[in-house]
Structures are given as structure tokens and as C-alpha cells.
Amino acid sequence: MTIKKGDKLPDATLMRMGEKGPEPVKTGDLFKGKVVLFSVPGAFTPTCSAKHLPGFVEKADEIRAKGVDRIVCMAVNDVFVMDAWGKSQNVDGKVEMVADGNGDFTRALGLSLDATGFGMGERGQRFALIAKDGVVEELFVEEGGAFKVSSAENVLAHL
């Protein structure tokens, strides 16, 4: 079952890179306050690297000006890949990079993607959501292969 507007986000543990290396972060802590989460099928992939993440880096100040406490980028990749991708994209603290390495949170959201036909295994769908204290206020899930509703511009228009 796919998460929907008004639902509470499921409890899970994601990973992020800390000063001393990988560290767990509970979704209950990550989603305190007003949070924008966007998820990509894979770090370093074409649309994700050329448009999705850069859009949120570029619009970060405008998004925060609308009362957003944090902007989080997630993928079903490992924490080392997410950290390297964030550095290569110069996120510089504008976007928090988190890894759902085993896809547990993505599956709990009902937003997993079978990319085995592309040699990528199980991944997450491209989506974005706005949550307030762990409750989904808005959800934008892309149709297969599309990039429109989960963009920074669309999210900003709904804040």
C-alpha cells in the first residue's frame, strides 16, 4: 500500500555520513518540523544528477524561506555513494543526503521500483513529499520515467 497525504511516515533507520563516518538516523528524528524529502532512483544517474538534485540545491533558500526546516535527498544506495554524490553536486549543507541502503523505508512507503531489467536491482521511485512532524502534507510521485511533479519548482509551488 502506497503512503498518501495525511499518513504518518513509517519508522525506519536511514544512514547519513557524519564527521566520524556513517551514522544511523531515525525517521522520527529526521522528520521533526517541516521537511521536504525527495527520492531518486539512483545517485549519479542522468536525470537525478542533471536536474533533480541540482534543482533542490538551487532552490534551497527559496524552499527554506517558506518555513521548511530541512531538505532531504534519499536513494536506495549506500551511504558512501550518497556522500560522494552530494560532494560532487556541491550540496554544501543545502540538502541532506541520506541512504536507504536496503530499501526498507522505501518499501514501507510503498514506493519501491523493480529496476532489475536495467541491472540496478530494487530501487525507489522518483518522488517528493512535504511532511510536518512526520505526517505527509503533500506527495508527488512521478509516472514511470517522468520528471515533473517531484521537481524543486513543483514542490516550491505547493509550499
N, C-alpha and C. Protein backbone atom coordinates (compact mmCIF):
# COMPACT_ATOMS: atom_id res chain seq x y z
N MET A 1 0.84 -1.19 0.00
CA MET A 1 0.00 0.00 0.00
C MET A 1 0.89 1.25 0.00
N THR A 2 0.61 2.17 -0.88
CA THR A 2 1.40 3.39 -1.01
C THR A 2 0.95 4.42 0.01
N ILE A 3 1.93 5.08 0.61
CA ILE A 3 1.63 6.15 1.56
C ILE A 3 0.84 7.24 0.83
N LYS A 4 0.04 7.97 1.59
CA LYS A 4 -0.75 9.04 0.98
C LYS A 4 -0.82 10.24 1.92
N LYS A 5 -1.33 11.30 1.38
CA LYS A 5 -1.50 12.54 2.13
C LYS A 5 -2.26 12.25 3.42
N GLY A 6 -1.77 12.77 4.55
CA GLY A 6 -2.41 12.57 5.84
C GLY A 6 -1.86 11.39 6.63
N ASP A 7 -1.07 10.52 5.96
CA ASP A 7 -0.48 9.37 6.65
C ASP A 7 0.76 9.78 7.42
N LYS A 8 1.03 9.03 8.49
CA LYS A 8 2.26 9.21 9.25
C LYS A 8 3.35 8.41 8.55
N LEU A 9 4.52 9.00 8.44
CA LEU A 9 5.64 8.29 7.83
C LEU A 9 6.06 7.12 8.71
N PRO A 10 6.42 5.99 8.12
CA PRO A 10 6.80 4.82 8.91
C PRO A 10 8.13 5.01 9.63
N ASP A 11 8.27 4.29 10.72
CA ASP A 11 9.54 4.31 11.45
C ASP A 11 10.56 3.46 10.71
N ALA A 12 11.75 4.00 10.56
CA ALA A 12 12.84 3.29 9.89
C ALA A 12 14.15 3.96 10.30
N THR A 13 15.22 3.31 9.97
CA THR A 13 16.55 3.87 10.19
C THR A 13 17.23 4.03 8.84
N LEU A 14 17.63 5.24 8.55
CA LEU A 14 18.37 5.55 7.34
C LEU A 14 19.82 5.82 7.76
N MET A 15 20.68 6.03 6.79
CA MET A 15 22.09 6.32 7.09
C MET A 15 22.50 7.64 6.45
N ARG A 16 23.36 8.36 7.17
CA ARG A 16 23.96 9.57 6.61
C ARG A 16 25.43 9.59 7.03
N MET A 17 26.20 10.38 6.33
CA MET A 17 27.61 10.48 6.65
C MET A 17 27.80 11.56 7.71
N GLY A 18 28.41 11.16 8.81
CA GLY A 18 28.72 12.09 9.89
C GLY A 18 30.20 12.44 9.86
N GLU A 19 30.63 13.21 10.85
CA GLU A 19 32.03 13.62 10.91
C GLU A 19 32.97 12.43 11.09
N LYS A 20 32.50 11.39 11.76
CA LYS A 20 33.35 10.22 12.03
C LYS A 20 33.00 9.03 11.14
N GLY A 21 32.16 9.24 10.14
CA GLY A 21 31.78 8.16 9.25
C GLY A 21 30.28 7.96 9.24
N PRO A 22 29.84 6.82 8.70
CA PRO A 22 28.40 6.55 8.60
C PRO A 22 27.72 6.54 9.96
N GLU A 23 26.53 7.14 10.00
CA GLU A 23 25.75 7.14 11.24
C GLU A 23 24.28 6.95 10.92
N PRO A 24 23.59 6.21 11.80
CA PRO A 24 22.16 5.99 11.60
C PRO A 24 21.36 7.24 11.96
N VAL A 25 20.23 7.42 11.29
CA VAL A 25 19.31 8.48 11.64
C VAL A 25 17.89 7.90 11.58
N LYS A 26 17.18 8.04 12.66
CA LYS A 26 15.80 7.54 12.73
C LYS A 26 14.88 8.51 12.00
N THR A 27 13.91 7.95 11.28
CA THR A 27 12.98 8.81 10.55
C THR A 27 12.20 9.71 11.51
N GLY A 28 11.94 9.25 12.71
CA GLY A 28 11.23 10.08 13.69
C GLY A 28 11.99 11.36 14.01
N ASP A 29 13.33 11.28 13.98
CA ASP A 29 14.16 12.46 14.22
C ASP A 29 14.32 13.30 12.95
N LEU A 30 14.48 12.62 11.83
CA LEU A 30 14.70 13.30 10.56
C LEU A 30 13.50 14.15 10.14
N PHE A 31 12.30 13.69 10.48
CA PHE A 31 11.08 14.37 10.02
C PHE A 31 10.42 15.23 11.09
N LYS A 32 11.19 15.72 12.06
CA LYS A 32 10.66 16.70 13.02
C LYS A 32 10.60 18.05 12.33
N GLY A 33 9.51 18.76 12.55
CA GLY A 33 9.34 20.05 11.90
C GLY A 33 8.82 19.87 10.48
N LYS A 34 9.05 20.87 9.65
CA LYS A 34 8.58 20.81 8.26
C LYS A 34 9.76 20.37 7.39
N VAL A 35 9.55 19.28 6.65
CA VAL A 35 10.63 18.66 5.88
C VAL A 35 10.17 18.37 4.46
N VAL A 36 11.06 18.65 3.52
CA VAL A 36 10.86 18.22 2.14
C VAL A 36 11.81 17.05 1.91
N LEU A 37 11.24 15.94 1.49
CA LEU A 37 12.02 14.76 1.11
C LEU A 37 11.82 14.52 -0.38
N PHE A 38 12.92 14.33 -1.09
CA PHE A 38 12.78 13.87 -2.46
C PHE A 38 13.66 12.64 -2.62
N SER A 39 13.16 11.72 -3.43
CA SER A 39 13.83 10.45 -3.62
C SER A 39 14.12 10.25 -5.10
N VAL A 40 15.29 9.73 -5.36
CA VAL A 40 15.72 9.48 -6.73
C VAL A 40 15.98 7.99 -6.93
N PRO A 41 15.84 7.49 -8.15
CA PRO A 41 16.12 6.08 -8.40
C PRO A 41 17.58 5.70 -8.17
N GLY A 42 18.51 6.65 -8.37
CA GLY A 42 19.90 6.33 -8.13
C GLY A 42 20.81 7.53 -8.19
N ALA A 43 21.75 7.59 -7.25
CA ALA A 43 22.78 8.62 -7.28
C ALA A 43 23.60 8.47 -8.55
N PHE A 44 24.06 9.58 -9.06
CA PHE A 44 24.92 9.64 -10.25
C PHE A 44 24.22 9.22 -11.54
N THR A 45 22.91 8.99 -11.50
CA THR A 45 22.19 8.64 -12.73
C THR A 45 21.83 9.94 -13.48
N PRO A 46 21.56 9.86 -14.77
CA PRO A 46 21.44 11.08 -15.59
C PRO A 46 20.44 12.14 -15.11
N THR A 47 19.16 11.82 -15.03
CA THR A 47 18.16 12.82 -14.64
C THR A 47 18.39 13.28 -13.20
N CYS A 48 18.75 12.35 -12.34
CA CYS A 48 18.97 12.67 -10.93
C CYS A 48 20.11 13.67 -10.76
N SER A 49 21.18 13.48 -11.54
CA SER A 49 22.36 14.34 -11.43
C SER A 49 22.26 15.63 -12.22
N ALA A 50 21.53 15.59 -13.33
CA ALA A 50 21.44 16.78 -14.18
C ALA A 50 20.32 17.72 -13.77
N LYS A 51 19.24 17.18 -13.16
CA LYS A 51 18.07 18.00 -12.90
C LYS A 51 17.54 17.92 -11.46
N HIS A 52 17.33 16.69 -10.95
CA HIS A 52 16.60 16.56 -9.70
C HIS A 52 17.35 17.16 -8.51
N LEU A 53 18.51 16.61 -8.18
CA LEU A 53 19.29 17.15 -7.06
C LEU A 53 19.71 18.60 -7.30
N PRO A 54 20.23 18.95 -8.47
CA PRO A 54 20.61 20.35 -8.68
C PRO A 54 19.46 21.35 -8.49
N GLY A 55 18.27 20.95 -8.86
CA GLY A 55 17.11 21.84 -8.68
C GLY A 55 16.87 22.17 -7.21
N PHE A 56 17.00 21.18 -6.35
CA PHE A 56 16.79 21.42 -4.92
C PHE A 56 17.95 22.20 -4.30
N VAL A 57 19.16 21.99 -4.79
CA VAL A 57 20.30 22.78 -4.32
C VAL A 57 20.08 24.24 -4.71
N GLU A 58 19.69 24.46 -5.96
CA GLU A 58 19.47 25.82 -6.46
C GLU A 58 18.32 26.53 -5.75
N LYS A 59 17.25 25.82 -5.44
CA LYS A 59 16.06 26.42 -4.84
C LYS A 59 16.02 26.31 -3.31
N ALA A 60 17.09 25.82 -2.70
CA ALA A 60 17.09 25.56 -1.26
C ALA A 60 16.70 26.79 -0.43
N ASP A 61 17.26 27.93 -0.74
CA ASP A 61 16.95 29.13 0.05
C ASP A 61 15.48 29.53 -0.09
N GLU A 62 14.94 29.43 -1.30
CA GLU A 62 13.52 29.76 -1.51
C GLU A 62 12.62 28.77 -0.77
N ILE A 63 12.99 27.51 -0.79
CA ILE A 63 12.20 26.48 -0.09
C ILE A 63 12.24 26.73 1.41
N ARG A 64 13.41 27.00 1.93
CA ARG A 64 13.54 27.27 3.38
C ARG A 64 12.78 28.54 3.78
N ALA A 65 12.73 29.50 2.88
CA ALA A 65 12.01 30.75 3.16
C ALA A 65 10.51 30.51 3.33
N LYS A 66 10.03 29.37 2.87
CA LYS A 66 8.62 29.01 3.01
C LYS A 66 8.36 28.22 4.30
N GLY A 67 9.34 28.21 5.20
CA GLY A 67 9.16 27.56 6.50
C GLY A 67 9.65 26.13 6.59
N VAL A 68 10.40 25.68 5.61
CA VAL A 68 10.92 24.31 5.61
C VAL A 68 12.20 24.27 6.46
N ASP A 69 12.24 23.32 7.38
CA ASP A 69 13.39 23.17 8.27
C ASP A 69 14.55 22.41 7.64
N ARG A 70 14.23 21.44 6.79
CA ARG A 70 15.30 20.67 6.14
C ARG A 70 14.81 20.11 4.82
N ILE A 71 15.77 19.95 3.92
CA ILE A 71 15.54 19.35 2.61
C ILE A 71 16.41 18.09 2.57
N VAL A 72 15.77 16.96 2.29
CA VAL A 72 16.46 15.67 2.36
C VAL A 72 16.37 14.97 1.01
N CYS A 73 17.51 14.51 0.53
CA CYS A 73 17.58 13.69 -0.68
C CYS A 73 17.85 12.25 -0.25
N MET A 74 17.07 11.31 -0.79
CA MET A 74 17.21 9.91 -0.44
C MET A 74 17.28 9.06 -1.69
N ALA A 75 18.03 7.97 -1.60
CA ALA A 75 18.06 6.97 -2.66
C ALA A 75 18.35 5.61 -2.04
N VAL A 76 17.96 4.57 -2.74
CA VAL A 76 18.31 3.21 -2.33
C VAL A 76 19.72 2.97 -2.88
N ASN A 77 20.67 3.59 -2.21
CA ASN A 77 22.11 3.48 -2.45
C ASN A 77 22.77 3.40 -1.08
N ASP A 78 24.06 3.10 -1.06
CA ASP A 78 24.74 3.08 0.23
C ASP A 78 25.17 4.49 0.63
N VAL A 79 25.48 4.64 1.90
CA VAL A 79 25.80 5.95 2.46
C VAL A 79 27.06 6.54 1.83
N PHE A 80 28.02 5.71 1.43
CA PHE A 80 29.24 6.22 0.82
C PHE A 80 28.95 6.83 -0.56
N VAL A 81 28.08 6.19 -1.32
CA VAL A 81 27.69 6.70 -2.63
C VAL A 81 26.92 8.01 -2.46
N MET A 82 25.99 8.05 -1.51
CA MET A 82 25.21 9.28 -1.30
C MET A 82 26.11 10.43 -0.87
N ASP A 83 27.10 10.15 -0.02
CA ASP A 83 28.03 11.18 0.42
C ASP A 83 28.87 11.69 -0.75
N ALA A 84 29.40 10.78 -1.55
CA ALA A 84 30.22 11.16 -2.71
C ALA A 84 29.40 11.96 -3.72
N TRP A 85 28.15 11.54 -3.94
CA TRP A 85 27.30 12.24 -4.88
C TRP A 85 27.01 13.65 -4.38
N GLY A 86 26.71 13.79 -3.10
CA GLY A 86 26.46 15.11 -2.53
C GLY A 86 27.66 16.03 -2.69
N LYS A 87 28.84 15.50 -2.44
CA LYS A 87 30.07 16.30 -2.62
C LYS A 87 30.25 16.69 -4.08
N SER A 88 30.00 15.75 -4.99
CA SER A 88 30.19 16.05 -6.42
C SER A 88 29.17 17.07 -6.93
N GLN A 89 28.03 17.16 -6.25
CA GLN A 89 26.97 18.10 -6.64
C GLN A 89 27.00 19.39 -5.81
N ASN A 90 28.01 19.53 -4.95
CA ASN A 90 28.18 20.74 -4.13
C ASN A 90 26.94 21.08 -3.32
N VAL A 91 26.39 20.09 -2.60
CA VAL A 91 25.19 20.36 -1.82
C VAL A 91 25.48 21.29 -0.65
N ASP A 92 26.71 21.29 -0.16
CA ASP A 92 27.17 22.26 0.84
C ASP A 92 26.17 22.56 1.95
N GLY A 93 25.54 21.53 2.51
CA GLY A 93 24.61 21.72 3.61
C GLY A 93 23.23 22.20 3.20
N LYS A 94 23.01 22.47 1.93
CA LYS A 94 21.69 22.90 1.47
C LYS A 94 20.70 21.75 1.44
N VAL A 95 21.22 20.56 1.14
CA VAL A 95 20.41 19.34 1.06
C VAL A 95 21.11 18.27 1.88
N GLU A 96 20.36 17.56 2.71
CA GLU A 96 20.91 16.44 3.48
C GLU A 96 20.80 15.17 2.65
N MET A 97 21.89 14.45 2.55
CA MET A 97 21.95 13.24 1.74
C MET A 97 21.80 12.03 2.66
N VAL A 98 20.75 11.24 2.45
CA VAL A 98 20.55 10.05 3.27
C VAL A 98 20.39 8.82 2.38
N ALA A 99 20.83 7.70 2.93
CA ALA A 99 20.80 6.44 2.20
C ALA A 99 19.78 5.50 2.83
N ASP A 100 18.99 4.90 1.98
CA ASP A 100 18.08 3.81 2.37
C ASP A 100 18.67 2.55 1.73
N GLY A 101 19.84 2.17 2.20
CA GLY A 101 20.66 1.15 1.56
C GLY A 101 19.97 -0.15 1.21
N ASN A 102 19.13 -0.64 2.09
CA ASN A 102 18.41 -1.89 1.83
C ASN A 102 17.01 -1.67 1.29
N GLY A 103 16.60 -0.41 1.17
CA GLY A 103 15.28 -0.09 0.64
C GLY A 103 14.14 -0.33 1.61
N ASP A 104 14.45 -0.51 2.90
CA ASP A 104 13.40 -0.80 3.88
C ASP A 104 12.37 0.33 4.01
N PHE A 105 12.85 1.57 4.10
CA PHE A 105 11.95 2.71 4.24
C PHE A 105 11.14 2.89 2.95
N THR A 106 11.81 2.77 1.82
CA THR A 106 11.14 2.92 0.52
C THR A 106 10.03 1.88 0.36
N ARG A 107 10.31 0.63 0.74
CA ARG A 107 9.27 -0.41 0.68
C ARG A 107 8.13 -0.09 1.63
N ALA A 108 8.46 0.38 2.84
CA ALA A 108 7.42 0.73 3.81
C ALA A 108 6.52 1.86 3.30
N LEU A 109 7.08 2.74 2.47
CA LEU A 109 6.29 3.82 1.86
C LEU A 109 5.44 3.29 0.70
N GLY A 110 5.75 2.09 0.23
CA GLY A 110 5.05 1.55 -0.94
C GLY A 110 5.54 2.16 -2.23
N LEU A 111 6.77 2.64 -2.24
CA LEU A 111 7.29 3.37 -3.39
C LEU A 111 8.56 2.73 -3.97
N SER A 112 8.69 1.41 -3.83
CA SER A 112 9.86 0.75 -4.41
C SER A 112 9.67 0.59 -5.91
N LEU A 113 10.76 0.31 -6.58
CA LEU A 113 10.81 0.21 -8.03
C LEU A 113 11.68 -0.97 -8.40
N ASP A 114 11.17 -1.87 -9.20
CA ASP A 114 11.94 -3.00 -9.68
C ASP A 114 12.73 -2.57 -10.91
N ALA A 115 14.02 -2.32 -10.72
CA ALA A 115 14.88 -1.89 -11.82
C ALA A 115 15.84 -3.00 -12.24
N THR A 116 15.46 -4.24 -11.95
CA THR A 116 16.33 -5.37 -12.30
C THR A 116 16.52 -5.48 -13.81
N GLY A 117 15.55 -5.07 -14.58
CA GLY A 117 15.67 -5.10 -16.04
C GLY A 117 16.77 -4.19 -16.55
N PHE A 118 17.19 -3.23 -15.74
CA PHE A 118 18.27 -2.31 -16.10
C PHE A 118 19.56 -2.64 -15.36
N GLY A 119 19.55 -3.79 -14.63
CA GLY A 119 20.73 -4.18 -13.87
C GLY A 119 20.94 -3.37 -12.61
N MET A 120 19.89 -2.73 -12.11
CA MET A 120 20.01 -1.85 -10.94
C MET A 120 19.35 -2.40 -9.70
N GLY A 121 18.74 -3.58 -9.76
CA GLY A 121 18.11 -4.17 -8.59
C GLY A 121 16.86 -3.43 -8.16
N GLU A 122 16.55 -3.55 -6.89
CA GLU A 122 15.40 -2.84 -6.34
C GLU A 122 15.82 -1.44 -5.95
N ARG A 123 15.08 -0.47 -6.41
CA ARG A 123 15.35 0.95 -6.14
C ARG A 123 14.09 1.61 -5.63
N GLY A 124 14.12 2.93 -5.56
CA GLY A 124 12.95 3.70 -5.18
C GLY A 124 12.43 4.48 -6.36
N GLN A 125 11.13 4.69 -6.39
CA GLN A 125 10.53 5.54 -7.42
C GLN A 125 11.00 6.98 -7.23
N ARG A 126 10.89 7.76 -8.28
CA ARG A 126 11.19 9.19 -8.18
C ARG A 126 9.96 9.86 -7.57
N PHE A 127 10.16 10.51 -6.43
CA PHE A 127 9.04 11.19 -5.78
C PHE A 127 9.56 12.31 -4.88
N ALA A 128 8.65 13.13 -4.42
CA ALA A 128 8.94 14.14 -3.41
C ALA A 128 7.73 14.21 -2.48
N LEU A 129 7.99 14.61 -1.25
CA LEU A 129 6.89 14.82 -0.32
C LEU A 129 7.22 15.97 0.62
N ILE A 130 6.18 16.54 1.14
CA ILE A 130 6.29 17.57 2.18
C ILE A 130 5.65 16.96 3.42
N ALA A 131 6.38 16.97 4.53
CA ALA A 131 5.86 16.42 5.78
C ALA A 131 6.00 17.43 6.90
N LYS A 132 5.06 17.37 7.80
CA LYS A 132 5.11 18.22 9.01
C LYS A 132 5.05 17.28 10.20
N ASP A 133 6.11 17.28 11.00
CA ASP A 133 6.21 16.39 12.17
C ASP A 133 5.86 14.95 11.81
N GLY A 134 6.38 14.49 10.68
CA GLY A 134 6.23 13.10 10.28
C GLY A 134 4.93 12.73 9.61
N VAL A 135 4.08 13.71 9.32
CA VAL A 135 2.81 13.45 8.64
C VAL A 135 2.88 14.06 7.24
N VAL A 136 2.51 13.27 6.24
CA VAL A 136 2.59 13.71 4.84
C VAL A 136 1.53 14.77 4.57
N GLU A 137 1.98 15.95 4.16
CA GLU A 137 1.06 17.02 3.76
C GLU A 137 0.83 17.02 2.25
N GLU A 138 1.87 16.71 1.49
CA GLU A 138 1.78 16.66 0.02
C GLU A 138 2.67 15.51 -0.45
N LEU A 139 2.24 14.83 -1.52
CA LEU A 139 3.01 13.73 -2.08
C LEU A 139 2.98 13.85 -3.60
N PHE A 140 4.16 13.77 -4.21
CA PHE A 140 4.29 13.92 -5.65
C PHE A 140 5.09 12.73 -6.20
N VAL A 141 4.40 11.77 -6.78
CA VAL A 141 5.04 10.57 -7.32
C VAL A 141 5.03 10.65 -8.84
N GLU A 142 6.19 10.47 -9.43
CA GLU A 142 6.33 10.54 -10.88
C GLU A 142 5.79 9.28 -11.55
N GLU A 143 5.21 9.46 -12.72
CA GLU A 143 4.88 8.33 -13.59
C GLU A 143 6.20 7.78 -14.11
N GLY A 144 6.23 6.53 -14.50
CA GLY A 144 7.46 5.89 -14.96
C GLY A 144 8.26 6.71 -15.95
N GLY A 145 9.50 7.00 -15.61
CA GLY A 145 10.40 7.73 -16.49
C GLY A 145 10.22 9.23 -16.54
N ALA A 146 9.20 9.76 -15.89
CA ALA A 146 8.93 11.21 -15.94
C ALA A 146 9.74 11.97 -14.90
N PHE A 147 9.87 13.26 -15.12
CA PHE A 147 10.44 14.17 -14.14
C PHE A 147 9.71 15.49 -14.26
N LYS A 148 8.72 15.68 -13.40
CA LYS A 148 7.93 16.90 -13.42
C LYS A 148 7.42 17.23 -12.02
N VAL A 149 6.56 16.36 -11.48
CA VAL A 149 5.87 16.68 -10.22
C VAL A 149 6.78 16.64 -9.00
N SER A 150 7.91 15.92 -9.09
CA SER A 150 8.80 15.84 -7.93
C SER A 150 9.92 16.87 -7.99
N SER A 151 9.84 17.78 -8.93
CA SER A 151 10.89 18.80 -9.10
C SER A 151 10.84 19.83 -7.98
N ALA A 152 11.95 20.49 -7.78
CA ALA A 152 12.03 21.55 -6.77
C ALA A 152 11.01 22.65 -7.07
N GLU A 153 10.83 22.97 -8.35
CA GLU A 153 9.90 24.03 -8.73
C GLU A 153 8.46 23.67 -8.34
N ASN A 154 8.08 22.42 -8.58
CA ASN A 154 6.72 22.00 -8.23
C ASN A 154 6.53 21.95 -6.72
N VAL A 155 7.51 21.43 -6.02
CA VAL A 155 7.42 21.40 -4.55
C VAL A 155 7.29 22.82 -4.01
N LEU A 156 8.11 23.71 -4.50
CA LEU A 156 8.08 25.11 -4.06
C LEU A 156 6.70 25.73 -4.32
N ALA A 157 6.10 25.40 -5.42
CA ALA A 157 4.77 25.94 -5.75
C ALA A 157 3.69 25.44 -4.80
N HIS A 158 3.94 24.32 -4.10
CA HIS A 158 2.95 23.75 -3.18
C HIS A 158 3.23 24.06 -1.71
N LEU A 159 4.24 24.85 -1.44
CA LEU A 159 4.56 25.22 -0.05
C LEU A 159 3.77 26.46 0.37
